[in-house]
């Protein structure tokens, strides 16, 4: 655990070096700019979509991009000969993405409060964003394992967005009716949407419990049986061992 703090610091240094912080800040400004055109209840319905996209799409892109740059700069070779464990390396990426997501929550919440005087239930938003970020960090790592280059990684990401994220966004924007939307709950982004939507509207308790239970279970299963076991294979393949 003593090695975890330097690992997290190193992750932030790389994000800054690769200009990923700058890219993320530009996206945040874009969200705030879009929020300017909404008022009252419309803005409150728009914000969950923003937090959903940030905790899912941006999280996956950030972790995939850092893995890609680490491969390019042979950072993985250094990891192989260091005392850092798989758990510490993977956990550092999860922690950094959680911090990034919470920074986004703070920035957007402060902006809409000062610009539009809009508030919502922050105590419900924070745990929801953390859980959603964890599971989608793991998804991003998994998608990167078999990406031969940055283009193939983006293709994997786009496929995930079309198959899993778009239906949830359509449900959030009422493009998909409630009768159809109820079957989408087994999709991770839809379960994520349900948790985040609680900041502006009431959600049935069973959906809330299912959402947290489902995403936490999925995070454990994905980490324990997919992400961690395949990490060494990924490491060996990328370093040519």
Foldseek 3Di string as FASTA:
>chain_A
DVVLVVLLVVLVVVCVVVCVVVVLVVVLVVLLVVLLPDADPRSLLVVLVVLLCCLAVVLLVSLLVSVQVCLVVVVLVVVVPDPDDLCSNLVSSLVNQLVVSVVSVVSNQVSCCVNHVDDWPVVLQSVLSSLSNLLNNLVSLLLNLPQPHPVSSVVSSVVCCVPAVVLLVCVSVCVDPPVVLVVNLLRLSNLSSQSSSVRPDDDPPVSVVCSSVNSVVSSCCSVVPPNSVCVVVSSCVSVVD
